Each structure stands twice: as C-alpha cells, then as structure tokens.
Amino acid sequence: MNPPARRRWRRVDGVLLLDKPSGITSNDALQKARRLFSAEKAGHTGTLDPMASGLLPVCFGEATKFSADLLDADKTYEATLRLGVTTTTADAEGEVLETRPVQVGEADLRAVLPRFTGAIEQVPPMYSALKRDGKPLYELARQGIEVERAARAVVIHELTLLACAGTDVSLRVRCSKGTYIRTLAEDIGSALGCGAHLTALRRTRVGSLELAGARTLAEIEACAEEGREALLRPVDTLLSGLPPVVLDEAQTLRFGNGNPVAADVVGPCRVYAGGRLLGLGLGDGAGRLHPKRLIAR
C-alpha cells in the first residue's frame, strides 16, 4: 500500500471571509481553511469563542502582515440571551448556577439597555484567555479558583433589541475591541434582577468587513481546488477603511527601500504604485510618509 501523498504547501496571498461554524475553535477553523487552500502561511484577525459562529477573516500569505490591524476594529454581533438562568461561564457551555423566575417584559428590557450603551466598564470573566502569573484564567477557573479582575473600559456603540419571546432575548451589539458579550449578557440579567446567560452568538461584521458574502468550510470544500483562489479577496481588503495614497516611480523606489517620501497625509494609509499595493504607510503630519509594513515583491 502506497503512503498518502505529502501535502505540497504553496504561496497564497489574499483574504478569505470565512463563516465559522459553532462548535470549533477559531484556530481549528483556520487550519481547516489553510489545508483547503494548501496555503503555506495563514492567520486570522481575532478569535471567536467555540460556541460562536460568523465572520472570521482568514489571512493568507502577505495578508498576514496586516491581520493585526483588524484586532482594534469594532465588531458587530447578534446575541441571544436566556433570562432567568445564570451559569458558571455566563454562556450555555457552563453549569447552571441559579434559576430564578422571570417577571420582566419587553418594556423592562428597553428601559435597561441604555445603561449598557456608550462607554462602560466590564469585569472580564474567569473563563477567558486573559492571564494571571502566566496562566490563563480559564485554567484557574477549572480548578475552582477565582481571582480578582480589574474592570476594563469598553464602548458599546449600539445595543438594539431585535426580538423578545418569553425568556429568550435577541440583541444586536456593535462594540469596541475587548468587549465580552457573555459578560454583557450576564450584566443585563443582573440589572433586570433575574439573571441571564448567553445561548448563541454570531459575528456579522469586523471593521468594514461584513458576513454577507462569507463562505462556509463546506462551500469551500465543494469548490474545485483549482478554482478556490477565486473565493479570496485581495490583500488590501484588510486596509479598506484607510485612505489610499498613490506614489510615483521615484517615490516607489524610496518607499520600497524603507525610506520616507513626501506626501501630505496624516496617520495610517494604504500605499499604491501602478495599481499595486505597496503596503501600509504612516503620515507624520509634517509632509512625510513613512513605510510601516511592505508587501514582498
């Protein structure tokens, strides 16, 4: 019996808008996508909990240089809460801590949501990847150890009630980086006096990237291997929220060698020459554009 053929990894550059299924980790989804494209280099732009589904931008090749730029981007989610039940993890994967009667309705929900809109503070959950003395908090939580966590400032830009049916509540949340939707669900339940936990979460937007048009792993696998690269977005998709700057031939040479060029721009921007992305630049406000990250030629 012949051994299976060894996989041949190859250079692939681009961005895959992946619709991650619930039940697997973001890294598992990333590795499955990487194998489907035989991409030698891959990364993602921010973790989704295993329970969560939705938009996970996956970066291949040169796009990985810009994946960190989306870590700071706002995110939008559709979240489902179950009122009256609290759990150890603040979501459906934890053990039930307490069950209380629910004597609130839609009017009560609408009255309490403004408290959680705008700049707020959250205490990160014990079941999180934050570290204490080099150990993830979730490892301590599994040992029954709870440690004090400092509250962190986050911003809830939008908190919209989508549906309210009995004890199940659906919300749309647009928030800053670092926001724990599980904690938001728990805090809303506490404010209502009945407790709550998160039962479903779907990410619909990351920065300017939307779930519409994202592909599932099954859809990618069903596509002929030679046609899969047509599913990828260009590398500059990750930089679409930044202003473009176009350089001439002399500037392109200087910029590509890591030197600043003259340009009337302030802050980060995407830099092009002849229709080709050169990389990420940073204008210093004094008439100079400095290279931050460059695309390999």
Protein backbone atom coordinates (compact mmCIF):
# COMPACT_ATOMS: atom_id res chain seq x y z
CA MET A 1 0.00 0.00 0.00
CA ASN A 2 1.45 3.35 -1.06
CA PRO A 3 1.76 6.04 1.63
CA PRO A 4 -0.51 9.06 1.20
CA ALA A 5 0.94 11.83 -0.94
CA ARG A 6 2.66 14.52 1.11
CA ARG A 7 0.83 17.82 1.01
CA ARG A 8 2.57 20.50 -1.03
CA TRP A 9 2.14 23.88 0.59
CA ARG A 10 2.24 26.86 -1.74
CA ARG A 11 2.21 30.62 -1.61
CA VAL A 12 -1.31 32.00 -1.48
CA ASP A 13 -1.98 35.72 -0.91
CA GLY A 14 -5.41 37.04 -0.06
CA VAL A 15 -8.23 37.26 2.46
CA LEU A 16 -10.92 34.67 3.00
CA LEU A 17 -14.15 35.85 4.62
CA LEU A 18 -14.97 32.65 6.50
CA ASP A 19 -18.33 31.91 8.10
CA LYS A 20 -17.06 29.94 11.09
CA PRO A 21 -19.44 27.28 12.40
CA SER A 22 -20.18 26.99 16.09
CA GLY A 23 -18.59 24.11 17.94
CA ILE A 24 -14.99 24.53 16.78
CA THR A 25 -12.21 26.88 17.82
CA SER A 26 -11.04 29.72 15.60
CA ASN A 27 -7.68 28.00 15.23
CA ASP A 28 -9.35 24.77 14.10
CA ALA A 29 -11.32 26.74 11.50
CA LEU A 30 -8.13 28.49 10.39
CA GLN A 31 -6.24 25.22 9.95
CA LYS A 32 -9.10 23.61 8.00
CA ALA A 33 -9.21 26.63 5.67
CA ARG A 34 -5.44 26.61 5.29
CA ARG A 35 -5.49 22.95 4.22
CA LEU A 36 -8.28 23.58 1.73
CA PHE A 37 -6.10 26.20 0.01
CA SER A 38 -2.75 24.39 0.68
CA ALA A 39 -1.53 27.78 1.90
CA GLU A 40 1.95 27.82 3.39
CA LYS A 41 1.17 30.79 5.66
CA ALA A 42 -2.13 31.72 7.35
CA GLY A 43 -3.53 33.67 10.28
CA HIS A 44 -6.80 35.20 11.49
CA THR A 45 -7.80 38.63 12.73
CA GLY A 46 -9.25 37.83 16.14
CA THR A 47 -10.64 34.84 18.00
CA LEU A 48 -14.27 33.79 18.14
CA ASP A 49 -15.33 31.57 21.05
CA PRO A 50 -16.03 27.95 20.04
CA MET A 51 -19.75 28.46 20.76
CA ALA A 52 -19.88 31.49 18.45
CA SER A 53 -20.35 31.44 14.69
CA GLY A 54 -19.97 34.03 11.97
CA LEU A 55 -17.36 36.21 10.36
CA LEU A 56 -13.75 35.14 10.83
CA PRO A 57 -11.46 36.89 8.32
CA VAL A 58 -8.63 34.48 7.44
CA CYS A 59 -5.41 35.90 6.01
CA PHE A 60 -3.09 34.03 3.67
CA GLY A 61 0.48 34.92 2.74
CA GLU A 62 1.19 38.65 2.54
CA ALA A 63 -2.22 39.44 4.06
CA THR A 64 -0.99 38.11 7.41
CA LYS A 65 1.18 41.24 7.70
CA PHE A 66 -1.99 43.29 8.14
CA SER A 67 -4.12 40.93 10.26
CA ALA A 68 -3.25 42.78 13.46
CA ASP A 69 -4.80 45.97 12.04
CA LEU A 70 -8.26 44.44 12.43
CA LEU A 71 -7.71 43.44 16.06
CA ASP A 72 -8.51 47.01 17.08
CA ALA A 73 -11.57 47.25 14.82
CA ASP A 74 -15.14 47.46 16.09
CA LYS A 75 -17.16 44.24 15.92
CA THR A 76 -20.89 43.63 15.41
CA TYR A 77 -22.73 40.61 16.83
CA GLU A 78 -26.19 39.15 17.03
CA ALA A 79 -26.58 37.67 20.51
CA THR A 80 -29.29 35.53 22.11
CA LEU A 81 -29.80 35.64 25.88
CA ARG A 82 -31.79 33.33 28.14
CA LEU A 83 -33.29 35.21 31.08
CA GLY A 84 -33.73 33.61 34.49
CA VAL A 85 -30.70 31.29 34.37
CA THR A 86 -27.08 32.02 35.30
CA THR A 87 -24.15 29.70 34.53
CA THR A 88 -20.52 29.30 35.59
CA THR A 89 -19.25 30.58 32.23
CA ALA A 90 -22.03 33.14 31.53
CA ASP A 91 -22.93 31.12 28.43
CA ALA A 92 -24.66 27.86 27.52
CA GLU A 93 -21.45 25.83 27.85
CA GLY A 94 -21.27 26.32 31.62
CA GLU A 95 -23.04 24.60 34.51
CA VAL A 96 -26.23 26.16 35.83
CA LEU A 97 -25.62 28.21 38.97
CA GLU A 98 -29.11 29.51 39.68
CA THR A 99 -32.60 29.59 38.21
CA ARG A 100 -34.92 32.47 39.06
CA PRO A 101 -38.43 33.45 37.97
CA VAL A 102 -38.63 35.97 35.12
CA GLN A 103 -41.07 38.76 35.81
CA VAL A 104 -39.84 41.27 33.25
CA GLY A 105 -41.02 42.05 29.74
CA GLU A 106 -40.02 43.97 26.64
CA ALA A 107 -40.62 47.36 28.28
CA ASP A 108 -38.22 46.46 31.11
CA LEU A 109 -35.59 45.39 28.60
CA ARG A 110 -35.89 48.58 26.61
CA ALA A 111 -35.58 50.58 29.81
CA VAL A 112 -32.38 48.84 30.96
CA LEU A 113 -30.42 48.67 27.67
CA PRO A 114 -29.38 52.37 27.65
CA ARG A 115 -27.38 51.69 30.84
CA PHE A 116 -25.08 49.48 28.78
CA THR A 117 -24.69 51.82 25.80
CA GLY A 118 -21.68 54.07 25.39
CA ALA A 119 -18.51 53.90 27.47
CA ILE A 120 -18.91 51.25 30.16
CA GLU A 121 -16.68 49.08 32.34
CA GLN A 122 -16.64 45.29 32.32
CA VAL A 123 -15.03 42.82 34.69
CA PRO A 124 -13.55 40.11 32.42
CA PRO A 125 -14.98 36.62 33.07
CA MET A 126 -12.90 33.95 34.81
CA TYR A 127 -13.48 31.71 31.80
CA SER A 128 -11.31 33.81 29.48
CA ALA A 129 -7.85 33.62 27.93
CA LEU A 130 -6.54 36.55 29.97
CA LYS A 131 -3.51 35.52 32.00
CA ARG A 132 -2.57 35.81 35.67
CA ASP A 133 1.03 34.95 36.53
CA GLY A 134 1.40 33.33 33.11
CA LYS A 135 -1.68 31.10 33.47
CA PRO A 136 -4.91 31.62 31.50
CA LEU A 137 -7.80 32.48 33.79
CA TYR A 138 -9.88 29.62 32.41
CA GLU A 139 -7.31 27.13 33.77
CA LEU A 140 -7.71 28.64 37.24
CA ALA A 141 -11.49 28.64 36.87
CA ARG A 142 -11.49 24.91 36.05
CA GLN A 143 -9.60 24.33 39.31
CA GLY A 144 -12.30 26.23 41.19
CA ILE A 145 -10.01 29.20 41.78
CA GLU A 146 -11.38 32.71 41.35
CA VAL A 147 -9.06 35.73 41.35
CA GLU A 148 -9.83 39.40 41.40
CA ARG A 149 -10.01 41.02 37.94
CA ALA A 150 -9.75 44.72 37.27
CA ALA A 151 -12.63 46.29 35.35
CA ARG A 152 -11.78 47.29 31.77
CA ALA A 153 -13.19 50.17 29.76
CA VAL A 154 -15.06 49.21 26.57
CA VAL A 155 -17.51 51.04 24.30
CA ILE A 156 -20.92 49.74 23.22
CA HIS A 157 -21.73 51.80 20.13
CA GLU A 158 -25.09 50.14 19.50
CA LEU A 159 -27.34 47.88 21.58
CA THR A 160 -30.58 47.11 19.75
CA LEU A 161 -33.38 44.80 20.87
CA LEU A 162 -34.20 42.53 17.91
CA ALA A 163 -36.69 40.15 19.50
CA CYS A 164 -38.18 39.19 22.86
CA ALA A 165 -40.04 35.88 23.14
CA GLY A 166 -40.65 34.64 26.67
CA THR A 167 -37.27 34.22 28.36
CA ASP A 168 -35.28 34.43 25.08
CA VAL A 169 -33.96 37.82 24.00
CA SER A 170 -32.08 38.71 20.79
CA LEU A 171 -29.82 41.75 20.60
CA ARG A 172 -27.56 43.39 18.02
CA VAL A 173 -24.34 44.66 19.59
CA ARG A 174 -21.74 46.89 17.93
CA CYS A 175 -18.81 47.27 20.25
CA SER A 176 -15.14 48.10 20.66
CA LYS A 177 -12.37 45.53 20.89
CA GLY A 178 -12.10 43.66 24.16
CA THR A 179 -15.84 43.53 24.79
CA TYR A 180 -17.11 40.28 26.31
CA ILE A 181 -20.64 39.63 25.06
CA ARG A 182 -21.02 36.88 27.69
CA THR A 183 -20.33 39.44 30.40
CA LEU A 184 -22.74 41.90 28.78
CA ALA A 185 -25.49 39.24 28.85
CA GLU A 186 -24.75 38.46 32.49
CA ASP A 187 -24.75 42.13 33.47
CA ILE A 188 -28.05 42.82 31.67
CA GLY A 189 -29.61 39.87 33.51
CA SER A 190 -28.31 41.20 36.80
CA ALA A 191 -29.75 44.66 36.08
CA LEU A 192 -33.14 43.06 35.35
CA GLY A 193 -33.00 41.18 38.65
CA CYS A 194 -33.49 37.72 37.15
CA GLY A 195 -30.05 36.81 35.83
CA ALA A 196 -29.20 35.72 32.28
CA HIS A 197 -26.66 33.87 30.17
CA LEU A 198 -25.63 33.84 26.51
CA THR A 199 -27.12 30.99 24.46
CA ALA A 200 -25.99 31.95 20.93
CA LEU A 201 -23.60 34.43 19.33
CA ARG A 202 -22.99 35.27 15.68
CA ARG A 203 -20.46 37.85 14.47
CA THR A 204 -21.74 39.77 11.46
CA ARG A 205 -19.09 42.46 10.98
CA VAL A 206 -15.41 43.16 11.68
CA GLY A 207 -14.40 46.73 10.88
CA SER A 208 -15.60 47.33 7.31
CA LEU A 209 -15.86 43.60 6.51
CA GLU A 210 -19.32 42.02 6.53
CA LEU A 211 -20.62 38.48 6.89
CA ALA A 212 -22.60 38.85 3.65
CA GLY A 213 -20.56 37.00 1.02
CA ALA A 214 -18.58 34.96 3.55
CA ARG A 215 -18.06 31.28 2.72
CA THR A 216 -18.52 28.22 4.91
CA LEU A 217 -15.93 25.46 5.08
CA ALA A 218 -18.38 23.13 3.32
CA GLU A 219 -18.84 25.61 0.46
CA ILE A 220 -15.08 25.93 0.01
CA GLU A 221 -14.59 22.17 0.06
CA ALA A 222 -17.33 21.72 -2.55
CA CYS A 223 -15.50 24.10 -4.90
CA ALA A 224 -12.95 22.56 -7.27
CA GLU A 225 -9.46 23.02 -5.82
CA GLU A 226 -8.15 24.91 -8.84
CA GLY A 227 -10.99 27.43 -8.51
CA ARG A 228 -10.77 28.13 -4.78
CA GLU A 229 -8.49 31.15 -5.07
CA ALA A 230 -11.33 32.96 -6.84
CA LEU A 231 -13.08 32.96 -3.44
CA LEU A 232 -10.36 35.14 -1.92
CA ARG A 233 -10.46 38.92 -1.56
CA PRO A 234 -7.32 40.96 -2.37
CA VAL A 235 -4.80 41.71 0.39
CA ASP A 236 -5.87 45.35 0.64
CA THR A 237 -9.34 44.24 1.77
CA LEU A 238 -7.96 44.42 5.30
CA LEU A 239 -6.98 48.07 4.76
CA SER A 240 -10.17 49.22 3.04
CA GLY A 241 -11.03 51.58 5.88
CA LEU A 242 -7.82 53.60 5.33
CA PRO A 243 -7.29 56.38 2.76
CA PRO A 244 -5.26 55.47 -0.35
CA VAL A 245 -2.03 57.21 -1.40
CA VAL A 246 -0.51 56.72 -4.86
CA LEU A 247 3.26 57.15 -5.36
CA ASP A 248 5.23 57.97 -8.49
CA GLU A 249 8.17 55.89 -9.73
CA ALA A 250 10.87 57.69 -7.73
CA GLN A 251 8.80 57.65 -4.55
CA THR A 252 8.04 53.96 -5.04
CA LEU A 253 11.74 53.11 -5.09
CA ARG A 254 12.43 55.08 -1.89
CA PHE A 255 9.35 53.77 -0.10
CA GLY A 256 10.09 50.17 -1.11
CA ASN A 257 13.59 50.50 0.36
CA GLY A 258 12.14 51.55 3.72
CA ASN A 259 12.63 55.32 3.36
CA PRO A 260 10.06 58.09 3.93
CA VAL A 261 8.69 60.02 0.96
CA ALA A 262 7.00 63.40 0.62
CA ALA A 263 3.21 63.15 0.99
CA ASP A 264 0.53 65.35 2.50
CA VAL A 265 -1.17 62.73 4.66
CA VAL A 266 -1.70 62.22 8.39
CA GLY A 267 -2.00 58.84 10.06
CA PRO A 268 -2.14 55.34 8.55
CA CYS A 269 -2.91 54.83 4.87
CA ARG A 270 -2.69 52.18 2.16
CA VAL A 271 0.02 52.91 -0.39
CA TYR A 272 -0.09 52.02 -4.10
CA ALA A 273 2.02 52.34 -7.23
CA GLY A 274 0.80 51.43 -10.70
CA GLY A 275 -2.34 49.84 -9.26
CA ARG A 276 -0.30 47.55 -6.97
CA LEU A 277 -0.42 47.65 -3.17
CA LEU A 278 2.99 48.51 -1.74
CA GLY A 279 1.97 48.27 1.90
CA LEU A 280 0.88 50.28 4.91
CA GLY A 281 2.22 53.80 5.39
CA LEU A 282 2.05 56.34 8.19
CA GLY A 283 1.90 60.07 7.52
CA ASP A 284 3.60 62.11 10.24
CA GLY A 285 1.68 65.33 9.57
CA ALA A 286 4.91 67.09 8.61
CA GLY A 287 4.82 66.19 4.92
CA ARG A 288 6.46 62.78 5.18
CA LEU A 289 5.04 59.30 4.63
CA HIS A 290 6.87 56.52 6.43
CA PRO A 291 6.64 52.81 5.45
CA LYS A 292 5.13 50.68 8.24
CA ARG A 293 4.68 47.27 6.57
CA LEU A 294 5.61 46.40 3.00
CA ILE A 295 4.34 43.76 0.60
CA ALA A 296 7.05 41.39 -0.63
CA ARG A 297 7.87 42.00 -4.28
